[in-house]
PDB file of N, CA and C in Angstrom:
ATOM      1  N   UNK A   1       7.553 -15.573   4.540  1.00  0.00           N
ATOM      2  CA  UNK A   1       7.363 -16.077   3.090  1.00  0.00           C
ATOM      3  C   UNK A   1       8.539 -16.657   2.638  1.00  0.00           C
ATOM      4  N   UNK A   2       8.461 -17.904   1.879  1.00  0.00           N
ATOM      5  CA  UNK A   2       9.626 -18.483   1.449  1.00  0.00           C
ATOM      6  C   UNK A   2      10.079 -17.777   0.163  1.00  0.00           C
ATOM      7  N   UNK A   3      11.504 -17.663   0.102  1.00  0.00           N
ATOM      8  CA  UNK A   3      12.068 -17.135  -1.081  1.00  0.00           C
ATOM      9  C   UNK A   3      11.765 -17.839  -2.375  1.00  0.00           C
ATOM     10  N   UNK A   4      11.205 -17.082  -3.312  1.00  0.00           N
ATOM     11  CA  UNK A   4      10.775 -17.549  -4.643  1.00  0.00           C
ATOM     12  C   UNK A   4      11.836 -17.201  -5.749  1.00  0.00           C
ATOM     13  N   UNK A   5      12.226 -15.923  -5.705  1.00  0.00           N
ATOM     14  CA  UNK A   5      13.141 -15.260  -6.564  1.00  0.00           C
ATOM     15  C   UNK A   5      13.865 -14.158  -5.920  1.00  0.00           C
ATOM     16  N   UNK A   6      14.733 -13.535  -6.691  1.00  0.00           N
ATOM     17  CA  UNK A   6      15.695 -12.618  -6.037  1.00  0.00           C
ATOM     18  C   UNK A   6      14.969 -11.039  -6.074  1.00  0.00           C
ATOM     19  N   UNK A   7      13.714 -11.044  -6.656  1.00  0.00           N
ATOM     20  CA  UNK A   7      12.883  -9.842  -6.567  1.00  0.00           C
ATOM     21  C   UNK A   7      11.749  -9.967  -5.480  1.00  0.00           C
ATOM     22  N   UNK A   8      12.187 -10.342  -4.304  1.00  0.00           N
ATOM     23  CA  UNK A   8      11.123 -10.400  -3.316  1.00  0.00           C
ATOM     24  C   UNK A   8      10.182  -8.962  -3.067  1.00  0.00           C
ATOM     25  N   UNK A   9       9.148  -9.082  -2.851  1.00  0.00           N
ATOM     26  CA  UNK A   9       8.275  -7.693  -2.469  1.00  0.00           C
ATOM     27  C   UNK A   9       8.838  -7.382  -1.105  1.00  0.00           C
ATOM     28  N   UNK A  10       8.566  -6.004  -1.024  1.00  0.00           N
ATOM     29  CA  UNK A  10       8.495  -5.500   0.375  1.00  0.00           C
ATOM     30  C   UNK A  10       7.134  -5.229   0.828  1.00  0.00           C
ATOM     31  N   UNK A  11       6.754  -5.955   1.995  1.00  0.00           N
ATOM     32  CA  UNK A  11       5.430  -5.889   2.492  1.00  0.00           C
ATOM     33  C   UNK A  11       5.366  -5.048   3.731  1.00  0.00           C
ATOM     34  N   UNK A  12       4.722  -3.876   3.752  1.00  0.00           N
ATOM     35  CA  UNK A  12       4.652  -3.071   4.887  1.00  0.00           C
ATOM     36  C   UNK A  12       3.326  -2.686   5.028  1.00  0.00           C
ATOM     37  N   UNK A  13       2.904  -2.405   6.403  1.00  0.00           N
ATOM     38  CA  UNK A  13       1.749  -1.891   6.659  1.00  0.00           C
ATOM     39  C   UNK A  13       1.738  -0.439   6.212  1.00  0.00           C
ATOM     40  N   UNK A  14       0.606   0.290   5.765  1.00  0.00           N
ATOM     41  CA  UNK A  14       0.575   1.808   5.323  1.00  0.00           C
ATOM     42  C   UNK A  14       1.168   2.446   6.420  1.00  0.00           C
ATOM     43  N   UNK A  15       0.840   2.393   7.702  1.00  0.00           N
ATOM     44  CA  UNK A  15       1.395   3.046   8.846  1.00  0.00           C
ATOM     45  C   UNK A  15       2.836   3.081   8.774  1.00  0.00           C
ATOM     46  N   UNK A  16       3.645   2.159   8.287  1.00  0.00           N
ATOM     47  CA  UNK A  16       5.023   2.076   8.219  1.00  0.00           C
ATOM     48  C   UNK A  16       5.789   2.683   7.030  1.00  0.00           C
ATOM     49  N   UNK A  17       4.950   3.289   6.068  1.00  0.00           N
ATOM     50  CA  UNK A  17       5.645   3.817   4.704  1.00  0.00           C
ATOM     51  C   UNK A  17       6.616   4.867   5.059  1.00  0.00           C
ATOM     52  N   UNK A  18       6.084   5.772   5.985  1.00  0.00           N
ATOM     53  CA  UNK A  18       7.051   6.960   6.158  1.00  0.00           C
ATOM     54  C   UNK A  18       8.308   6.634   6.733  1.00  0.00           C
ATOM     55  N   UNK A  19       8.282   5.623   7.830  1.00  0.00           N
ATOM     56  CA  UNK A  19       9.549   5.209   8.480  1.00  0.00           C
ATOM     57  C   UNK A  19      10.485   4.404   7.554  1.00  0.00           C
ATOM     58  N   UNK A  20       9.868   3.650   6.565  1.00  0.00           N
ATOM     59  CA  UNK A  20      10.521   2.952   5.535  1.00  0.00           C
ATOM     60  C   UNK A  20      11.329   3.846   4.563  1.00  0.00           C
ATOM     61  N   UNK A  21      10.555   4.948   4.076  1.00  0.00           N
ATOM     62  CA  UNK A  21      11.066   5.772   3.007  1.00  0.00           C
ATOM     63  C   UNK A  21      12.141   6.817   3.747  1.00  0.00           C
ATOM     64  N   UNK A  22      12.171   7.010   5.071  1.00  0.00           N
ATOM     65  CA  UNK A  22      12.876   8.043   5.716  1.00  0.00           C
ATOM     66  C   UNK A  22      14.415   7.661   5.747  1.00  0.00           C
ATOM     67  N   UNK A  23      15.470   8.270   4.981  1.00  0.00           N
ATOM     68  CA  UNK A  23      16.545   7.952   4.965  1.00  0.00           C
ATOM     69  C   UNK A  23      17.304   8.079   6.385  1.00  0.00           C
ATOM     70  N   UNK A  24      16.771   8.465   7.398  1.00  0.00           N
ATOM     71  CA  UNK A  24      17.261   8.625   8.779  1.00  0.00           C
ATOM     72  C   UNK A  24      16.986   7.416   9.552  1.00  0.00           C
ATOM     73  N   UNK A  25      16.129   6.630   9.164  1.00  0.00           N
ATOM     74  CA  UNK A  25      15.654   5.396   9.824  1.00  0.00           C
ATOM     75  C   UNK A  25      16.917   4.396   9.874  1.00  0.00           C
ATOM     76  N   UNK A  26      17.355   4.135  11.043  1.00  0.00           N
ATOM     77  CA  UNK A  26      18.523   3.292  11.216  1.00  0.00           C
ATOM     78  C   UNK A  26      18.178   1.905  10.476  1.00  0.00           C
ATOM     79  N   UNK A  27      19.209   1.254   9.955  1.00  0.00           N
ATOM     80  CA  UNK A  27      19.125   0.035   9.288  1.00  0.00           C
ATOM     81  C   UNK A  27      18.390  -1.049  10.229  1.00  0.00           C
ATOM     82  N   UNK A  28      18.794  -1.132  11.380  1.00  0.00           N
ATOM     83  CA  UNK A  28      18.208  -2.319  12.025  1.00  0.00           C
ATOM     84  C   UNK A  28      16.746  -1.983  12.310  1.00  0.00           C
ATOM     85  N   UNK A  29      16.412  -0.712  12.445  1.00  0.00           N
ATOM     86  CA  UNK A  29      14.828  -0.466  12.594  1.00  0.00           C
ATOM     87  C   UNK A  29      14.180  -0.785  11.382  1.00  0.00           C
ATOM     88  N   UNK A  30      14.816  -0.330  10.092  1.00  0.00           N
ATOM     89  CA  UNK A  30      14.109  -0.496   9.090  1.00  0.00           C
ATOM     90  C   UNK A  30      13.957  -2.079   8.624  1.00  0.00           C
ATOM     91  N   UNK A  31      14.869  -2.966   8.986  1.00  0.00           N
ATOM     92  CA  UNK A  31      14.918  -4.316   8.810  1.00  0.00           C
ATOM     93  C   UNK A  31      13.666  -4.768   9.923  1.00  0.00           C
ATOM     94  N   UNK A  32      13.481  -4.171  10.766  1.00  0.00           N
ATOM     95  CA  UNK A  32      12.499  -4.605  11.761  1.00  0.00           C
ATOM     96  C   UNK A  32      11.048  -4.316  11.150  1.00  0.00           C
ATOM     97  N   UNK A  33      10.978  -3.324  10.140  1.00  0.00           N
ATOM     98  CA  UNK A  33       9.716  -3.110   9.656  1.00  0.00           C
ATOM     99  C   UNK A  33       9.110  -4.199   8.871  1.00  0.00           C
ATOM    100  N   UNK A  34      10.146  -5.167   8.306  1.00  0.00           N
ATOM    101  CA  UNK A  34       9.880  -6.039   7.239  1.00  0.00           C
ATOM    102  C   UNK A  34       9.236  -7.437   8.092  1.00  0.00           C
ATOM    103  N   UNK A  35       9.271  -7.499   9.248  1.00  0.00           N
ATOM    104  CA  UNK A  35       8.713  -8.624   9.920  1.00  0.00           C
ATOM    105  C   UNK A  35       7.183  -8.651   9.907  1.00  0.00           C
ATOM    106  N   UNK A  36       6.543  -8.695   8.833  1.00  0.00           N
ATOM    107  CA  UNK A  36       5.162  -8.822   8.703  1.00  0.00           C
ATOM    108  C   UNK A  36       4.729 -10.346   8.978  1.00  0.00           C
ATOM    109  N   UNK A  37       3.414 -10.404   9.474  1.00  0.00           N
ATOM    110  CA  UNK A  37       2.914 -11.630   9.851  1.00  0.00           C
ATOM    111  C   UNK A  37       2.785 -12.588   8.601  1.00  0.00           C
ATOM    112  N   UNK A  38       2.932 -13.846   8.705  1.00  0.00           N
ATOM    113  CA  UNK A  38       2.920 -14.748   7.578  1.00  0.00           C
ATOM    114  C   UNK A  38       1.624 -14.832   6.960  1.00  0.00           C
ATOM    115  N   UNK A  39       0.687 -14.398   7.657  1.00  0.00           N
ATOM    116  CA  UNK A  39      -0.754 -14.327   7.168  1.00  0.00           C
ATOM    117  C   UNK A  39      -0.989 -13.186   5.962  1.00  0.00           C
ATOM    118  N   UNK A  40      -0.035 -12.293   5.912  1.00  0.00           N
ATOM    119  CA  UNK A  40      -0.150 -11.231   5.072  1.00  0.00           C
ATOM    120  C   UNK A  40      -0.142 -11.599   3.604  1.00  0.00           C
ATOM    121  N   UNK A  41       0.442 -12.820   3.355  1.00  0.00           N
ATOM    122  CA  UNK A  41       0.731 -13.134   2.092  1.00  0.00           C
ATOM    123  C   UNK A  41       0.383 -14.719   1.752  1.00  0.00           C
ATOM    124  N   UNK A  42       0.332 -14.952   0.665  1.00  0.00           N
ATOM    125  CA  UNK A  42       0.114 -16.382   0.242  1.00  0.00           C
ATOM    126  C   UNK A  42       0.570 -16.584  -1.161  1.00  0.00           C
ATOM    127  N   UNK A  43       0.997 -17.807  -1.440  1.00  0.00           N
ATOM    128  CA  UNK A  43       1.567 -18.079  -2.779  1.00  0.00           C
ATOM    129  C   UNK A  43       0.477 -19.045  -3.596  1.00  0.00           C
ATOM    130  N   UNK A  44       0.342 -18.811  -4.751  1.00  0.00           N
ATOM    131  CA  UNK A  44      -0.568 -19.510  -5.737  1.00  0.00           C
ATOM    132  C   UNK A  44       0.153 -19.898  -7.073  1.00  0.00           C
ATOM    133  N   UNK A  45      -0.231 -21.066  -7.607  1.00  0.00           N
ATOM    134  CA  UNK A  45       0.387 -21.432  -8.925  1.00  0.00           C
ATOM    135  C   UNK A  45      -0.441 -20.676  -9.944  1.00  0.00           C
ATOM    136  N   UNK A  46       0.037 -19.917 -10.903  1.00  0.00           N
ATOM    137  CA  UNK A  46      -0.517 -19.333 -11.929  1.00  0.00           C
ATOM    138  C   UNK A  46      -0.227 -19.792 -13.385  1.00  0.00           C
ATOM    139  N   UNK A  47      -1.163 -19.843 -14.264  1.00  0.00           N
ATOM    140  CA  UNK A  47      -0.664 -20.438 -15.609  1.00  0.00           C
ATOM    141  C   UNK A  47       0.297 -19.448 -16.370  1.00  0.00           C
ATOM    142  N   UNK A  48       0.973 -20.103 -17.206  1.00  0.00           N
ATOM    143  CA  UNK A  48       1.894 -19.008 -18.080  1.00  0.00           C
ATOM    144  C   UNK A  48       1.120 -17.983 -18.683  1.00  0.00           C
ATOM    145  N   UNK A  49      -0.110 -18.191 -19.026  1.00  0.00           N
ATOM    146  CA  UNK A  49      -0.991 -17.327 -19.776  1.00  0.00           C
ATOM    147  C   UNK A  49      -1.056 -15.877 -18.865  1.00  0.00           C
ATOM    148  N   UNK A  50      -0.837 -15.858 -17.644  1.00  0.00           N
ATOM    149  CA  UNK A  50      -0.967 -14.743 -16.943  1.00  0.00           C
ATOM    150  C   UNK A  50       0.185 -13.676 -17.454  1.00  0.00           C
ATOM    151  N   UNK A  51       1.308 -14.035 -17.981  1.00  0.00           N
ATOM    152  CA  UNK A  51       2.371 -13.045 -18.377  1.00  0.00           C
ATOM    153  C   UNK A  51       2.210 -12.780 -19.852  1.00  0.00           C
ATOM    154  N   UNK A  52       1.025 -13.114 -20.511  1.00  0.00           N
ATOM    155  CA  UNK A  52       0.917 -12.875 -21.986  1.00  0.00           C
ATOM    156  C   UNK A  52      -0.357 -11.917 -22.169  1.00  0.00           C
ATOM    157  N   UNK A  53      -0.107 -10.958 -22.930  1.00  0.00           N
ATOM    158  CA  UNK A  53      -1.169 -10.009 -23.152  1.00  0.00           C
ATOM    159  C   UNK A  53      -2.177 -10.677 -24.266  1.00  0.00           C
ATOM    160  N   UNK A  54      -1.660 -11.883 -24.807  1.00  0.00           N
ATOM    161  CA  UNK A  54      -2.552 -12.613 -25.996  1.00  0.00           C
ATOM    162  C   UNK A  54      -3.515 -13.219 -25.173  1.00  0.00           C
ATOM    163  N   UNK A  55      -3.541 -13.475 -23.858  1.00  0.00           N
ATOM    164  CA  UNK A  55      -4.593 -14.250 -23.235  1.00  0.00           C
ATOM    165  C   UNK A  55      -5.313 -13.266 -22.015  1.00  0.00           C
ATOM    166  N   UNK A  56      -6.051 -12.410 -22.523  1.00  0.00           N
ATOM    167  CA  UNK A  56      -6.665 -11.665 -21.591  1.00  0.00           C
ATOM    168  C   UNK A  56      -7.933 -12.211 -21.401  1.00  0.00           C
ATOM    169  N   UNK A  57      -7.924 -13.477 -20.467  1.00  0.00           N
ATOM    170  CA  UNK A  57      -9.454 -13.886 -20.208  1.00  0.00           C
ATOM    171  C   UNK A  57      -9.387 -13.860 -18.608  1.00  0.00           C
ATOM    172  N   UNK A  58     -10.621 -14.125 -18.194  1.00  0.00           N
ATOM    173  CA  UNK A  58     -11.059 -14.150 -16.770  1.00  0.00           C
ATOM    174  C   UNK A  58     -10.342 -15.174 -16.102  1.00  0.00           C
ATOM    175  N   UNK A  59     -10.014 -16.414 -16.702  1.00  0.00           N
ATOM    176  CA  UNK A  59      -9.498 -17.487 -16.059  1.00  0.00           C
ATOM    177  C   UNK A  59      -8.172 -17.798 -16.310  1.00  0.00           C
ATOM    178  N   UNK A  60      -7.313 -16.810 -16.675  1.00  0.00           N
ATOM    179  CA  UNK A  60      -5.951 -16.918 -17.065  1.00  0.00           C
ATOM    180  C   UNK A  60      -5.025 -17.095 -15.755  1.00  0.00           C
ATOM    181  N   UNK A  61      -5.752 -16.726 -14.528  1.00  0.00           N
ATOM    182  CA  UNK A  61      -4.807 -17.223 -13.400  1.00  0.00           C
ATOM    183  C   UNK A  61      -5.214 -18.627 -12.858  1.00  0.00           C
ATOM    184  N   UNK A  62      -6.090 -19.370 -13.491  1.00  0.00           N
ATOM    185  CA  UNK A  62      -6.224 -20.759 -12.967  1.00  0.00           C
ATOM    186  C   UNK A  62      -5.543 -21.672 -13.808  1.00  0.00           C
ATOM    187  N   UNK A  63      -5.016 -22.751 -13.155  1.00  0.00           N
ATOM    188  CA  UNK A  63      -4.218 -23.655 -13.969  1.00  0.00           C
ATOM    189  C   UNK A  63      -5.056 -24.624 -14.875  1.00  0.00           C
TER     190      UNK A  63
END
C-alpha cells in the first residue's frame, strides 16, 4: 500500500491478532506480521461529501 498519510491502517489477518497484541512478541516478528499481500487493500477516490453528516446519501462515495 502506498503511503497516503501518517495514519496508515494496520492490516492483519484475524489469526494474527493475538501475536500483534502480545507485548512479548519481538519487534522483528511484529513487523513481519504487517507484510500483508497487496491484494488485501485498494484505494479509491471519494467525494468530500463522505466526511460530512449533512450528506447522508447512498452515492456520497462516488465522485
